[in-house]
Amino acid sequence: HVVAAALHKQGCAVVLLSLGSKGSYLSVTSDEARLRNCPFKNRYKPQSTIRIPAFAVKDGNVNANGAGDALFAGFCFAAATLPEATLEQAGTFASLVARQRCDIETRDTPAHNAKQLYE
């Protein structure tokens, strides 16, 4: 992905791009020296890329305001607090958080665990 490559060139070790209703794209730098400075260096393989699909929201129940912020917050939370989470798992968690924010039926209802986000 051209945008991810440009951000890696500017110094970003991990890039998360929101693709709206099409999901998200995660990319890890190929620069192993830069990756060594990251707290998750042993979990994310250099030059990894992955597409994470968006989770569906019932038609008519969508309010995407804040979804991108929720996506990035979910990824940061997973990367920082779930020490065993792979890149795909952190991205999937982020996608679930964004879905929670988009669904007008659940956006103001706190989920107490990840299983509730699937329901």
N, C-alpha and C. Protein backbone atom coordinates (compact mmCIF):
# COMPACT_ATOMS: atom_id res chain seq x y z
N HIS A 1 0.85 -1.18 0.00
CA HIS A 1 0.00 0.00 0.00
C HIS A 1 0.89 1.24 0.00
N VAL A 2 0.65 2.15 -0.89
CA VAL A 2 1.49 3.34 -1.10
C VAL A 2 1.53 4.24 0.13
N VAL A 3 0.39 4.45 0.76
CA VAL A 3 0.33 5.33 1.93
C VAL A 3 1.15 4.73 3.08
N ALA A 4 0.97 3.43 3.33
CA ALA A 4 1.72 2.77 4.40
C ALA A 4 3.22 2.85 4.14
N ALA A 5 3.63 2.62 2.90
CA ALA A 5 5.06 2.68 2.56
C ALA A 5 5.62 4.09 2.82
N ALA A 6 4.84 5.11 2.46
CA ALA A 6 5.29 6.49 2.69
C ALA A 6 5.42 6.77 4.19
N LEU A 7 4.49 6.28 4.98
CA LEU A 7 4.55 6.50 6.43
C LEU A 7 5.71 5.73 7.05
N HIS A 8 5.98 4.51 6.56
CA HIS A 8 7.14 3.77 7.04
C HIS A 8 8.43 4.53 6.72
N LYS A 9 8.48 5.09 5.54
CA LYS A 9 9.67 5.85 5.12
C LYS A 9 9.89 7.07 6.02
N GLN A 10 8.80 7.61 6.55
CA GLN A 10 8.88 8.76 7.46
C GLN A 10 9.19 8.36 8.90
N GLY A 11 9.26 7.05 9.18
CA GLY A 11 9.65 6.60 10.51
C GLY A 11 8.63 5.81 11.30
N CYS A 12 7.45 5.60 10.76
CA CYS A 12 6.42 4.83 11.48
C CYS A 12 6.76 3.34 11.45
N ALA A 13 6.78 2.72 12.61
CA ALA A 13 7.06 1.29 12.67
C ALA A 13 5.84 0.46 12.31
N VAL A 14 4.67 0.88 12.79
CA VAL A 14 3.43 0.18 12.50
C VAL A 14 2.42 1.20 11.99
N VAL A 15 1.74 0.85 10.90
CA VAL A 15 0.76 1.75 10.29
C VAL A 15 -0.59 1.04 10.29
N LEU A 16 -1.61 1.75 10.76
CA LEU A 16 -2.99 1.28 10.71
C LEU A 16 -3.78 2.29 9.89
N LEU A 17 -4.33 1.83 8.78
CA LEU A 17 -5.13 2.69 7.92
C LEU A 17 -6.59 2.25 7.98
N SER A 18 -7.47 3.18 8.26
CA SER A 18 -8.90 2.89 8.22
C SER A 18 -9.36 2.93 6.77
N LEU A 19 -10.12 1.92 6.38
CA LEU A 19 -10.69 1.85 5.04
C LEU A 19 -12.21 1.98 5.12
N GLY A 20 -12.70 2.57 6.18
CA GLY A 20 -14.13 2.76 6.37
C GLY A 20 -14.86 1.44 6.43
N SER A 21 -15.95 1.33 5.70
CA SER A 21 -16.77 0.12 5.74
C SER A 21 -16.06 -1.10 5.13
N LYS A 22 -14.93 -0.88 4.50
CA LYS A 22 -14.15 -1.99 3.92
C LYS A 22 -13.14 -2.57 4.92
N GLY A 23 -13.08 -2.01 6.13
CA GLY A 23 -12.18 -2.55 7.15
C GLY A 23 -10.96 -1.69 7.37
N SER A 24 -9.83 -2.35 7.56
CA SER A 24 -8.58 -1.62 7.81
C SER A 24 -7.40 -2.39 7.24
N TYR A 25 -6.28 -1.70 7.19
CA TYR A 25 -5.04 -2.27 6.65
C TYR A 25 -3.94 -2.00 7.67
N LEU A 26 -3.23 -3.04 8.05
CA LEU A 26 -2.11 -2.94 8.99
C LEU A 26 -0.82 -3.30 8.29
N SER A 27 0.22 -2.54 8.58
CA SER A 27 1.52 -2.77 7.96
C SER A 27 2.62 -2.54 8.98
N VAL A 28 3.62 -3.42 8.97
CA VAL A 28 4.77 -3.32 9.85
C VAL A 28 6.00 -3.00 9.01
N THR A 29 6.83 -2.09 9.49
CA THR A 29 8.03 -1.69 8.77
C THR A 29 8.95 -2.87 8.47
N SER A 30 9.73 -2.75 7.44
CA SER A 30 10.75 -3.76 7.14
C SER A 30 12.06 -3.43 7.86
N ASP A 31 12.13 -2.25 8.48
CA ASP A 31 13.32 -1.78 9.18
C ASP A 31 13.38 -2.42 10.58
N GLU A 32 14.14 -3.50 10.69
CA GLU A 32 14.22 -4.22 11.96
C GLU A 32 14.80 -3.38 13.08
N ALA A 33 15.71 -2.46 12.77
CA ALA A 33 16.29 -1.59 13.79
C ALA A 33 15.20 -0.70 14.40
N ARG A 34 14.33 -0.16 13.56
CA ARG A 34 13.24 0.69 14.05
C ARG A 34 12.24 -0.14 14.86
N LEU A 35 11.97 -1.33 14.41
CA LEU A 35 11.03 -2.19 15.11
C LEU A 35 11.55 -2.62 16.48
N ARG A 36 12.87 -2.75 16.62
CA ARG A 36 13.46 -3.12 17.91
C ARG A 36 13.16 -2.10 19.00
N ASN A 37 12.88 -0.87 18.63
CA ASN A 37 12.57 0.18 19.61
C ASN A 37 11.11 0.17 20.05
N CYS A 38 10.31 -0.69 19.47
CA CYS A 38 8.89 -0.75 19.79
C CYS A 38 8.64 -1.76 20.91
N PRO A 39 7.67 -1.48 21.78
CA PRO A 39 7.38 -2.41 22.88
C PRO A 39 6.84 -3.76 22.42
N PHE A 40 6.33 -3.84 21.20
CA PHE A 40 5.76 -5.10 20.69
C PHE A 40 6.68 -5.75 19.67
N LYS A 41 7.96 -5.44 19.72
CA LYS A 41 8.93 -5.89 18.71
C LYS A 41 8.96 -7.39 18.50
N ASN A 42 8.69 -8.16 19.53
CA ASN A 42 8.76 -9.61 19.40
C ASN A 42 7.46 -10.23 18.90
N ARG A 43 6.42 -9.43 18.74
CA ARG A 43 5.13 -9.96 18.33
C ARG A 43 4.81 -9.71 16.86
N TYR A 44 5.36 -8.65 16.30
CA TYR A 44 5.02 -8.27 14.93
C TYR A 44 6.22 -8.49 14.03
N LYS A 45 6.03 -9.34 13.04
CA LYS A 45 7.10 -9.69 12.12
C LYS A 45 7.36 -8.54 11.14
N PRO A 46 8.63 -8.17 10.94
CA PRO A 46 8.94 -7.10 9.99
C PRO A 46 8.33 -7.37 8.62
N GLN A 47 7.84 -6.34 8.01
CA GLN A 47 7.26 -6.35 6.66
C GLN A 47 5.94 -7.12 6.59
N SER A 48 5.27 -7.31 7.73
CA SER A 48 3.96 -7.96 7.74
C SER A 48 2.90 -6.97 7.27
N THR A 49 1.93 -7.47 6.55
CA THR A 49 0.76 -6.67 6.19
C THR A 49 -0.47 -7.55 6.33
N ILE A 50 -1.57 -6.93 6.66
CA ILE A 50 -2.81 -7.68 6.81
C ILE A 50 -4.00 -6.76 6.59
N ARG A 51 -5.02 -7.29 5.95
CA ARG A 51 -6.31 -6.58 5.81
C ARG A 51 -7.25 -7.16 6.85
N ILE A 52 -7.89 -6.30 7.59
CA ILE A 52 -8.86 -6.71 8.59
C ILE A 52 -10.24 -6.27 8.09
N PRO A 53 -11.18 -7.19 7.95
CA PRO A 53 -12.51 -6.79 7.48
C PRO A 53 -13.27 -6.02 8.55
N ALA A 54 -14.19 -5.19 8.11
CA ALA A 54 -15.08 -4.50 9.04
C ALA A 54 -16.16 -5.47 9.48
N PHE A 55 -16.61 -5.35 10.71
CA PHE A 55 -17.72 -6.16 11.18
C PHE A 55 -19.02 -5.47 10.78
N ALA A 56 -19.97 -6.26 10.36
CA ALA A 56 -21.23 -5.74 9.84
C ALA A 56 -22.08 -5.10 10.94
N VAL A 57 -22.78 -4.06 10.54
CA VAL A 57 -23.78 -3.41 11.38
C VAL A 57 -25.08 -3.47 10.59
N LYS A 58 -26.19 -3.75 11.28
CA LYS A 58 -27.48 -3.83 10.60
C LYS A 58 -27.76 -2.56 9.81
N ASP A 59 -28.30 -2.73 8.61
CA ASP A 59 -28.68 -1.58 7.78
C ASP A 59 -29.57 -0.63 8.57
N GLY A 60 -29.31 0.63 8.44
CA GLY A 60 -30.10 1.64 9.12
C GLY A 60 -29.66 1.92 10.53
N ASN A 61 -28.76 1.12 11.07
CA ASN A 61 -28.29 1.30 12.44
C ASN A 61 -26.90 1.91 12.50
N VAL A 62 -26.43 2.53 11.42
CA VAL A 62 -25.05 2.99 11.35
C VAL A 62 -24.93 4.49 11.61
N ASN A 63 -24.03 4.81 12.51
CA ASN A 63 -23.58 6.19 12.72
C ASN A 63 -22.06 6.07 12.85
N ALA A 64 -21.36 6.40 11.79
CA ALA A 64 -19.91 6.20 11.74
C ALA A 64 -19.11 7.31 12.41
N ASN A 65 -19.77 8.29 12.99
CA ASN A 65 -19.07 9.37 13.67
C ASN A 65 -18.21 8.80 14.81
N GLY A 66 -16.92 8.99 14.74
CA GLY A 66 -16.00 8.50 15.76
C GLY A 66 -15.47 7.10 15.52
N ALA A 67 -15.87 6.47 14.41
CA ALA A 67 -15.43 5.09 14.15
C ALA A 67 -13.92 4.99 13.96
N GLY A 68 -13.33 5.92 13.23
CA GLY A 68 -11.88 5.89 13.02
C GLY A 68 -11.13 6.07 14.33
N ASP A 69 -11.60 6.99 15.17
CA ASP A 69 -10.97 7.18 16.48
C ASP A 69 -11.07 5.90 17.31
N ALA A 70 -12.23 5.26 17.26
CA ALA A 70 -12.43 4.02 18.00
C ALA A 70 -11.52 2.91 17.47
N LEU A 71 -11.35 2.85 16.15
CA LEU A 71 -10.47 1.86 15.55
C LEU A 71 -9.04 2.02 16.07
N PHE A 72 -8.53 3.24 16.02
CA PHE A 72 -7.16 3.48 16.46
C PHE A 72 -7.01 3.27 17.96
N ALA A 73 -8.00 3.69 18.74
CA ALA A 73 -7.94 3.49 20.19
C ALA A 73 -7.95 2.00 20.52
N GLY A 74 -8.79 1.24 19.82
CA GLY A 74 -8.84 -0.21 20.04
C GLY A 74 -7.52 -0.88 19.73
N PHE A 75 -6.87 -0.45 18.64
CA PHE A 75 -5.58 -1.04 18.29
C PHE A 75 -4.52 -0.68 19.33
N CYS A 76 -4.48 0.58 19.73
CA CYS A 76 -3.50 1.01 20.73
C CYS A 76 -3.70 0.26 22.05
N PHE A 77 -4.96 0.10 22.45
CA PHE A 77 -5.26 -0.64 23.68
C PHE A 77 -4.76 -2.07 23.57
N ALA A 78 -5.10 -2.75 22.47
CA ALA A 78 -4.69 -4.15 22.31
C ALA A 78 -3.17 -4.28 22.26
N ALA A 79 -2.52 -3.40 21.52
CA ALA A 79 -1.05 -3.46 21.39
C ALA A 79 -0.36 -3.21 22.73
N ALA A 80 -0.94 -2.31 23.53
CA ALA A 80 -0.29 -1.92 24.79
C ALA A 80 -0.61 -2.84 25.96
N THR A 81 -1.79 -3.45 25.95
CA THR A 81 -2.20 -4.17 27.16
C THR A 81 -2.41 -5.67 26.99
N LEU A 82 -2.38 -6.16 25.77
CA LEU A 82 -2.55 -7.59 25.53
C LEU A 82 -1.23 -8.15 25.02
N PRO A 83 -0.34 -8.54 25.93
CA PRO A 83 1.04 -8.89 25.54
C PRO A 83 1.18 -10.04 24.56
N GLU A 84 0.20 -10.90 24.46
CA GLU A 84 0.29 -12.03 23.55
C GLU A 84 -0.44 -11.79 22.23
N ALA A 85 -1.07 -10.63 22.08
CA ALA A 85 -1.88 -10.37 20.88
C ALA A 85 -1.01 -10.26 19.64
N THR A 86 -1.39 -10.99 18.61
CA THR A 86 -0.70 -10.89 17.32
C THR A 86 -1.20 -9.63 16.61
N LEU A 87 -0.57 -9.30 15.50
CA LEU A 87 -1.00 -8.16 14.69
C LEU A 87 -2.46 -8.35 14.27
N GLU A 88 -2.80 -9.55 13.81
CA GLU A 88 -4.17 -9.82 13.38
C GLU A 88 -5.16 -9.71 14.54
N GLN A 89 -4.79 -10.22 15.71
CA GLN A 89 -5.68 -10.14 16.86
C GLN A 89 -5.90 -8.69 17.31
N ALA A 90 -4.83 -7.91 17.34
CA ALA A 90 -4.96 -6.50 17.72
C ALA A 90 -5.82 -5.75 16.70
N GLY A 91 -5.64 -6.05 15.42
CA GLY A 91 -6.44 -5.42 14.38
C GLY A 91 -7.91 -5.83 14.45
N THR A 92 -8.15 -7.09 14.75
CA THR A 92 -9.52 -7.58 14.87
C THR A 92 -10.21 -6.95 16.08
N PHE A 93 -9.49 -6.85 17.18
CA PHE A 93 -10.04 -6.18 18.36
C PHE A 93 -10.39 -4.73 18.02
N ALA A 94 -9.50 -4.06 17.32
CA ALA A 94 -9.75 -2.68 16.91
C ALA A 94 -11.00 -2.57 16.04
N SER A 95 -11.17 -3.52 15.14
CA SER A 95 -12.34 -3.52 14.27
C SER A 95 -13.62 -3.73 15.08
N LEU A 96 -13.55 -4.57 16.09
CA LEU A 96 -14.71 -4.78 16.96
C LEU A 96 -15.07 -3.51 17.73
N VAL A 97 -14.06 -2.81 18.21
CA VAL A 97 -14.30 -1.55 18.92
C VAL A 97 -14.95 -0.53 17.98
N ALA A 98 -14.47 -0.46 16.75
CA ALA A 98 -15.05 0.46 15.78
C ALA A 98 -16.50 0.08 15.46
N ARG A 99 -16.77 -1.22 15.37
CA ARG A 99 -18.13 -1.68 15.10
C ARG A 99 -19.06 -1.28 16.24
N GLN A 100 -18.58 -1.42 17.47
CA GLN A 100 -19.37 -1.02 18.65
C GLN A 100 -19.75 0.46 18.54
N ARG A 101 -18.81 1.26 18.08
CA ARG A 101 -19.05 2.70 17.96
C ARG A 101 -20.02 3.03 16.82
N CYS A 102 -20.01 2.25 15.77
CA CYS A 102 -20.86 2.52 14.60
C CYS A 102 -22.32 2.11 14.77
N ASP A 103 -22.57 1.12 15.59
CA ASP A 103 -23.93 0.60 15.74
C ASP A 103 -24.71 1.47 16.72
N ILE A 104 -25.76 2.13 16.23
CA ILE A 104 -26.50 3.06 17.10
C ILE A 104 -27.18 2.34 18.26
N GLU A 105 -27.37 1.03 18.15
CA GLU A 105 -27.98 0.28 19.25
C GLU A 105 -26.98 -0.02 20.36
N THR A 106 -25.69 -0.07 20.04
CA THR A 106 -24.69 -0.45 21.05
C THR A 106 -23.69 0.65 21.40
N ARG A 107 -23.67 1.73 20.66
CA ARG A 107 -22.60 2.72 20.81
C ARG A 107 -22.53 3.35 22.19
N ASP A 108 -23.63 3.45 22.89
CA ASP A 108 -23.61 4.05 24.22
C ASP A 108 -23.80 3.02 25.33
N THR A 109 -23.70 1.75 24.97
CA THR A 109 -23.82 0.67 25.93
C THR A 109 -22.45 0.02 26.11
N PRO A 110 -21.89 0.07 27.31
CA PRO A 110 -20.55 -0.52 27.48
C PRO A 110 -20.57 -2.04 27.36
N ALA A 111 -19.59 -2.57 26.69
CA ALA A 111 -19.39 -4.01 26.62
C ALA A 111 -18.45 -4.38 27.76
N HIS A 112 -18.74 -5.46 28.43
CA HIS A 112 -17.91 -5.87 29.56
C HIS A 112 -16.83 -6.87 29.17
N ASN A 113 -16.94 -7.42 27.97
CA ASN A 113 -15.92 -8.33 27.48
C ASN A 113 -16.02 -8.41 25.96
N ALA A 114 -14.98 -8.96 25.35
CA ALA A 114 -14.92 -9.01 23.88
C ALA A 114 -16.07 -9.84 23.30
N LYS A 115 -16.51 -10.88 24.01
CA LYS A 115 -17.61 -11.71 23.50
C LYS A 115 -18.87 -10.86 23.29
N GLN A 116 -19.12 -9.90 24.16
CA GLN A 116 -20.30 -9.06 24.02
C GLN A 116 -20.23 -8.21 22.75
N LEU A 117 -19.05 -7.89 22.28
CA LEU A 117 -18.93 -7.11 21.07
C LEU A 117 -19.40 -7.89 19.86
N TYR A 118 -19.28 -9.23 19.89
CA TYR A 118 -19.72 -10.07 18.78
C TYR A 118 -21.23 -10.22 18.73
N GLU A 119 -21.89 -10.08 19.87
CA GLU A 119 -23.34 -10.33 19.96
C GLU A 119 -24.15 -9.24 19.31
